[in-house]
Amino acid sequence: MSILVIAEHDNAELKGATLNTVAAAKAIGGDVHVLVAGAGCGPVGEAAAKIDGASKVLVADNAAYEHQLAENVAKLVADLGKDYSHILAPATTTGKNMLPRAAALLDVQPISDIIGVEGADTFKRPIYAGNVIATVQSSDAIKVITVRTTAFDAVAAEGGSAAVESVSIADDAGISTFVGEELAVSDRPELTAARVVISGGRGMQNGENFEMLYKLADKLGAAVGASRAAVDAGFVPNDMQVGQTGKIVAPDLYIAVGISGAIQHLAGMKDSKVIVAINKDEEAPIFSVADYGLVADLFDAIPELETKL
């Protein structure tokens, strides 16, 4: 039994989500191979070779994969995946965009967002915004799976010595082209990888008031997130959204400010180790999952908290 893990990277750096996905692969058992598809991605392949638990790294270095267009990478994964019992990718925007396409090309049913491994063919995944955990058993010859990375502890990034092989396949589907990208640049940690996350909700009232959270985050070395209500209201961009339709986070500390605690938001953060809620509505659902709750006006509490740090 062999498992192919699709590496998450930006052609220069291996992303932490890959380490969590390898952990899920190790829980399944068998040889773990890591696929790095990109352009000029040699350093990523070298980093992947050091992952604890990886026995082989496949590097597909070609212009067709430079921007990791889902249509192109899916064809590559489907071509290589025929020789594997399992294909795993992180349940990130990239993974969720590409892997179902690869599953369709392989004519198998993908299993999304697993949080547990019960056996080589049996997995646990959340449904109904995490209120129910489903146990799913697949009889497909090739299991195509996305992994909720917050559910698996990352393997060590160092200590491995996997062999690195080049892949000559260059699949250009010819049905999509890269036009451009706008990247949000910030000195704060990435939302899904931060140890501390501070999120604001509709109670922030407007985007300017998020400056309070940014100042607090800078003192705590935290990332800043938001509820869907705050994003829909235009307070902040949607790449800050935490929740079922946003990003799934599980930091050591999650501070929810002015967030009522709708099920959609709870699904994205309730696995955090410590949850602190600040809300002036003592009946807010967020208090049902909070380890510490403060019933107070956030416009009084946040400045006071900042001055005491």
Protein backbone atom coordinates (compact mmCIF):
# COMPACT_ATOMS: atom_id res chain seq x y z
CA MET A 1 0.00 0.00 0.00
CA SER A 2 1.42 3.38 -1.02
CA ILE A 3 0.10 6.88 -0.45
CA LEU A 4 0.63 10.01 -2.53
CA VAL A 5 0.55 13.31 -0.63
CA ILE A 6 0.18 16.50 -2.66
CA ALA A 7 2.51 19.16 -1.24
CA GLU A 8 1.21 22.65 -0.51
CA HIS A 9 3.80 25.27 -1.51
CA ASP A 10 4.47 28.54 -3.33
CA ASN A 11 7.40 27.28 -5.46
CA ALA A 12 9.84 28.59 -2.86
CA GLU A 13 8.64 27.29 0.49
CA LEU A 14 6.89 24.15 1.69
CA LYS A 15 3.72 25.03 3.62
CA GLY A 16 3.01 23.59 7.06
CA ALA A 17 -0.25 22.01 5.87
CA THR A 18 1.85 19.40 4.07
CA LEU A 19 3.27 18.17 7.38
CA ASN A 20 -0.22 17.65 8.82
CA THR A 21 -1.29 15.79 5.69
CA VAL A 22 1.73 13.49 5.92
CA ALA A 23 0.68 12.78 9.53
CA ALA A 24 -2.72 11.63 8.23
CA ALA A 25 -0.98 9.47 5.62
CA LYS A 26 1.17 7.85 8.31
CA ALA A 27 -1.98 7.08 10.30
CA ILE A 28 -3.31 5.18 7.29
CA GLY A 29 -0.05 3.23 6.95
CA GLY A 30 2.19 2.34 4.04
CA ASP A 31 4.86 4.10 2.02
CA VAL A 32 4.34 7.85 1.84
CA HIS A 33 5.37 9.65 -1.33
CA VAL A 34 5.15 13.44 -1.67
CA LEU A 35 4.39 15.17 -4.98
CA VAL A 36 5.76 18.67 -5.52
CA ALA A 37 4.23 20.20 -8.67
CA GLY A 38 5.41 23.66 -9.66
CA ALA A 39 8.01 25.60 -11.60
CA GLY A 40 11.43 26.38 -10.20
CA CYS A 41 10.36 24.38 -7.16
CA GLY A 42 13.63 22.54 -6.52
CA PRO A 43 14.05 23.98 -2.99
CA VAL A 44 10.56 22.75 -2.09
CA GLY A 45 11.49 19.25 -3.23
CA GLU A 46 14.61 19.36 -1.07
CA ALA A 47 12.55 20.46 1.93
CA ALA A 48 9.99 17.73 1.29
CA ALA A 49 12.76 15.10 1.25
CA LYS A 50 13.52 15.98 4.88
CA ILE A 51 9.95 15.35 6.09
CA ASP A 52 9.79 12.66 8.74
CA GLY A 53 7.86 9.73 7.27
CA ALA A 54 8.29 10.49 3.58
CA SER A 55 10.05 7.74 1.64
CA LYS A 56 10.07 9.37 -1.81
CA VAL A 57 9.57 12.83 -3.28
CA LEU A 58 8.32 13.30 -6.84
CA VAL A 59 9.14 16.70 -8.35
CA ALA A 60 7.17 17.84 -11.40
CA ASP A 61 9.01 21.01 -12.36
CA ASN A 62 7.34 22.46 -15.43
CA ALA A 63 5.89 25.78 -16.58
CA ALA A 64 2.47 24.12 -16.81
CA TYR A 65 2.42 23.87 -13.00
CA GLU A 66 3.92 27.26 -12.15
CA HIS A 67 0.66 28.68 -10.82
CA GLN A 68 -0.77 25.26 -9.85
CA LEU A 69 -3.85 25.63 -11.99
CA ALA A 70 -6.31 23.02 -10.77
CA GLU A 71 -7.03 21.64 -14.24
CA ASN A 72 -3.34 20.99 -14.97
CA VAL A 73 -2.33 19.60 -11.58
CA ALA A 74 -5.43 17.38 -11.46
CA LYS A 75 -4.39 15.69 -14.71
CA LEU A 76 -0.90 15.12 -13.31
CA VAL A 77 -2.28 13.73 -10.04
CA ALA A 78 -4.66 11.44 -11.91
CA ASP A 79 -1.85 10.13 -14.12
CA LEU A 80 0.47 9.43 -11.19
CA GLY A 81 -2.32 8.39 -8.83
CA LYS A 82 -3.15 5.21 -10.73
CA ASP A 83 -0.20 3.57 -8.99
CA TYR A 84 -1.34 4.49 -5.46
CA SER A 85 -3.93 3.20 -3.02
CA HIS A 86 -4.53 6.65 -1.51
CA ILE A 87 -4.12 10.24 -2.69
CA LEU A 88 -4.16 12.92 0.01
CA ALA A 89 -4.11 16.72 -0.12
CA PRO A 90 -4.66 19.39 2.54
CA ALA A 91 -8.24 20.71 2.69
CA THR A 92 -7.02 24.17 1.72
CA THR A 93 -8.36 26.32 -1.09
CA THR A 94 -5.82 24.76 -3.44
CA GLY A 95 -6.47 21.19 -2.34
CA LYS A 96 -10.26 21.52 -2.41
CA ASN A 97 -10.08 23.03 -5.89
CA MET A 98 -7.82 20.41 -7.42
CA LEU A 99 -8.45 17.03 -5.79
CA PRO A 100 -12.13 16.53 -6.75
CA ARG A 101 -11.09 17.07 -10.36
CA ALA A 102 -8.44 14.36 -10.01
CA ALA A 103 -11.03 12.06 -8.43
CA ALA A 104 -13.37 12.62 -11.37
CA LEU A 105 -10.59 11.75 -13.82
CA LEU A 106 -9.92 8.56 -11.83
CA ASP A 107 -13.69 7.85 -11.66
CA VAL A 108 -13.73 7.53 -7.87
CA GLN A 109 -15.65 9.26 -5.09
CA PRO A 110 -13.56 11.84 -3.17
CA ILE A 111 -13.75 11.92 0.62
CA SER A 112 -13.48 15.47 1.92
CA ASP A 113 -12.17 17.05 5.09
CA ILE A 114 -11.29 13.95 7.13
CA ILE A 115 -10.49 14.46 10.81
CA GLY A 116 -9.68 10.88 11.78
CA VAL A 117 -8.42 7.58 10.37
CA GLU A 118 -10.18 4.40 11.49
CA GLY A 119 -8.50 2.13 8.97
CA ALA A 120 -7.14 2.02 5.44
CA ASP A 121 -10.65 2.38 4.03
CA THR A 122 -12.54 4.06 6.88
CA PHE A 123 -12.39 7.71 7.90
CA LYS A 124 -14.16 10.25 10.08
CA ARG A 125 -15.35 13.59 8.71
CA PRO A 126 -17.57 16.36 10.10
CA ILE A 127 -20.98 17.10 8.60
CA TYR A 128 -23.74 19.59 9.48
CA ALA A 129 -21.19 22.28 10.38
CA GLY A 130 -19.37 19.87 12.67
CA ASN A 131 -22.40 18.97 14.76
CA VAL A 132 -22.25 15.36 13.52
CA ILE A 133 -19.18 13.23 12.83
CA ALA A 134 -19.73 10.76 10.01
CA THR A 135 -17.76 7.52 9.67
CA VAL A 136 -17.21 6.88 5.97
CA GLN A 137 -16.04 3.61 4.45
CA SER A 138 -14.89 3.54 0.83
CA SER A 139 -14.63 0.53 -1.47
CA ASP A 140 -12.92 2.50 -4.25
CA ALA A 141 -9.61 1.05 -5.39
CA ILE A 142 -8.03 4.49 -5.00
CA LYS A 143 -9.08 6.64 -2.04
CA VAL A 144 -8.92 10.34 -2.89
CA ILE A 145 -9.01 12.39 0.30
CA THR A 146 -8.67 15.96 1.55
CA VAL A 147 -7.41 16.33 5.11
CA ARG A 148 -8.52 18.89 7.70
CA THR A 149 -5.02 19.79 8.78
CA THR A 150 -6.02 21.13 12.20
CA ALA A 151 -7.13 17.60 13.17
CA PHE A 152 -3.65 16.05 12.79
CA ASP A 153 -0.45 17.02 14.61
CA ALA A 154 2.25 17.93 12.11
CA VAL A 155 5.13 15.53 11.59
CA ALA A 156 8.67 16.82 11.98
CA ALA A 157 9.95 18.90 9.07
CA GLU A 158 13.46 17.53 9.61
CA GLY A 159 14.90 14.07 10.07
CA GLY A 160 13.84 12.36 6.88
CA SER A 161 16.04 11.44 3.94
CA ALA A 162 13.67 10.59 1.11
CA ALA A 163 14.86 9.96 -2.42
CA VAL A 164 13.99 12.73 -4.89
CA GLU A 165 12.83 11.79 -8.38
CA SER A 166 11.93 14.03 -11.31
CA VAL A 167 8.60 13.60 -13.07
CA SER A 168 8.66 14.31 -16.80
CA ILE A 169 4.87 14.48 -17.28
CA ALA A 170 3.79 17.95 -18.44
CA ASP A 171 -0.01 18.07 -18.47
CA ASP A 172 -1.41 21.33 -19.82
CA ALA A 173 -5.16 20.89 -20.05
CA GLY A 174 -5.40 24.03 -22.15
CA ILE A 175 -8.73 25.05 -20.64
CA SER A 176 -7.56 27.67 -18.16
CA THR A 177 -4.87 30.32 -18.05
CA PHE A 178 -3.29 32.33 -15.27
CA VAL A 179 -4.26 35.99 -15.48
CA GLY A 180 -2.90 37.52 -12.28
CA GLU A 181 -3.04 37.56 -8.51
CA GLU A 182 -3.25 40.08 -5.71
CA LEU A 183 -1.52 39.00 -2.54
CA ALA A 184 -2.26 40.51 0.84
CA VAL A 185 1.09 41.32 2.46
CA SER A 186 1.24 41.29 6.24
CA ASP A 187 3.87 40.97 8.94
CA ARG A 188 1.39 39.01 11.04
CA PRO A 189 1.35 35.19 10.98
CA GLU A 190 -0.74 33.33 8.43
CA LEU A 191 -4.25 32.80 9.77
CA THR A 192 -4.30 28.99 9.52
CA ALA A 193 -0.81 28.60 11.04
CA ALA A 194 -0.91 31.18 13.86
CA ARG A 195 -0.70 30.10 17.51
CA VAL A 196 -2.95 33.02 18.51
CA VAL A 197 -5.92 34.29 16.50
CA ILE A 198 -8.07 37.35 17.25
CA SER A 199 -11.31 37.56 15.28
CA GLY A 200 -13.86 40.34 15.04
CA GLY A 201 -17.52 40.11 14.18
CA ARG A 202 -20.46 42.31 13.31
CA GLY A 203 -20.08 43.95 16.73
CA MET A 204 -16.97 45.76 15.43
CA GLN A 205 -19.46 48.02 13.56
CA ASN A 206 -17.08 48.99 10.75
CA GLY A 207 -13.71 48.23 9.20
CA GLU A 208 -11.92 51.13 10.87
CA ASN A 209 -12.62 49.64 14.29
CA PHE A 210 -10.62 46.54 13.32
CA GLU A 211 -7.55 48.72 13.93
CA MET A 212 -8.08 47.95 17.63
CA LEU A 213 -7.69 44.25 16.89
CA TYR A 214 -4.62 44.84 14.69
CA LYS A 215 -2.89 46.70 17.53
CA LEU A 216 -3.76 43.96 19.99
CA ALA A 217 -2.62 41.30 17.54
CA ASP A 218 0.75 42.99 17.07
CA LYS A 219 1.35 42.84 20.82
CA LEU A 220 0.38 39.16 20.98
CA GLY A 221 2.07 38.07 17.75
CA ALA A 222 -1.36 36.99 16.54
CA ALA A 223 -3.22 36.69 13.25
CA VAL A 224 -6.48 38.57 12.75
CA GLY A 225 -9.63 36.87 11.46
CA ALA A 226 -13.29 37.74 11.10
CA SER A 227 -16.74 36.22 11.10
CA ARG A 228 -18.72 35.86 7.91
CA ALA A 229 -21.04 38.64 9.06
CA ALA A 230 -18.10 41.06 9.25
CA VAL A 231 -16.86 39.99 5.82
CA ASP A 232 -20.31 40.21 4.22
CA ALA A 233 -20.72 43.69 5.71
CA GLY A 234 -17.51 44.75 3.94
CA PHE A 235 -15.53 45.43 7.12
CA VAL A 236 -12.58 43.24 6.02
CA PRO A 237 -11.58 41.15 2.97
CA ASN A 238 -12.86 37.58 2.65
CA ASP A 239 -9.40 36.02 3.08
CA MET A 240 -9.79 36.83 6.78
CA GLN A 241 -13.00 34.82 7.18
CA VAL A 242 -13.00 32.04 9.76
CA GLY A 243 -15.78 29.48 9.55
CA GLN A 244 -17.33 26.67 7.57
CA THR A 245 -17.11 28.62 4.31
CA GLY A 246 -13.89 30.36 5.31
CA LYS A 247 -10.73 29.10 6.97
CA ILE A 248 -10.58 26.38 9.61
CA VAL A 249 -8.29 27.31 12.50
CA ALA A 250 -7.26 25.59 15.71
CA PRO A 251 -4.75 27.87 17.46
CA ASP A 252 -3.56 27.62 21.06
CA LEU A 253 -5.60 30.76 21.82
CA TYR A 254 -8.64 32.09 19.96
CA ILE A 255 -10.13 35.44 20.99
CA ALA A 256 -13.60 36.14 19.58
CA VAL A 257 -14.52 39.83 19.77
CA GLY A 258 -18.05 40.97 19.02
CA ILE A 259 -18.91 37.59 17.49
CA SER A 260 -22.29 36.10 18.36
CA GLY A 261 -21.21 32.54 17.60
CA ALA A 262 -23.31 31.29 14.69
CA ILE A 263 -22.89 27.60 13.88
CA GLN A 264 -21.09 28.50 10.67
CA HIS A 265 -18.39 30.36 12.61
CA LEU A 266 -18.11 27.79 15.41
CA ALA A 267 -17.40 25.09 12.83
CA GLY A 268 -14.21 26.92 11.89
CA MET A 269 -12.71 27.53 15.34
CA LYS A 270 -14.21 25.33 18.04
CA ASP A 271 -11.18 22.99 18.03
CA SER A 272 -9.00 25.83 19.37
CA LYS A 273 -7.25 24.85 22.59
CA VAL A 274 -8.41 27.92 24.57
CA ILE A 275 -11.31 30.11 23.48
CA VAL A 276 -11.92 33.59 24.91
CA ALA A 277 -15.13 35.43 24.05
CA ILE A 278 -15.86 39.14 24.52
CA ASN A 279 -19.46 40.12 23.85
CA LYS A 280 -21.95 42.43 25.55
CA ASP A 281 -24.79 39.94 24.97
CA GLU A 282 -24.61 37.38 27.76
CA GLU A 283 -26.92 35.08 25.78
CA ALA A 284 -24.60 34.96 22.75
CA PRO A 285 -23.98 31.33 21.59
CA ILE A 286 -20.22 31.96 21.53
CA PHE A 287 -20.18 31.63 25.32
CA SER A 288 -21.30 27.99 25.02
CA VAL A 289 -17.91 27.02 23.56
CA ALA A 290 -15.74 29.61 25.31
CA ASP A 291 -13.32 28.61 28.06
CA TYR A 292 -13.33 32.21 29.28
CA GLY A 293 -16.12 34.69 28.64
CA LEU A 294 -16.27 38.41 29.29
CA VAL A 295 -19.66 40.12 29.11
CA ALA A 296 -18.61 43.65 28.27
CA ASP A 297 -18.62 46.32 25.59
CA LEU A 298 -15.71 45.48 23.32
CA PHE A 299 -14.95 49.20 22.86
CA ASP A 300 -14.12 49.34 26.57
CA ALA A 301 -12.57 45.88 26.95
CA ILE A 302 -10.14 45.83 24.00
CA PRO A 303 -8.39 49.17 24.76
CA GLU A 304 -8.10 48.15 28.42
CA LEU A 305 -6.70 44.77 27.49
CA GLU A 306 -4.16 46.37 25.18
CA THR A 307 -2.91 48.79 27.84
CA LYS A 308 -2.32 45.91 30.27
CA LEU A 309 -0.25 43.83 27.87
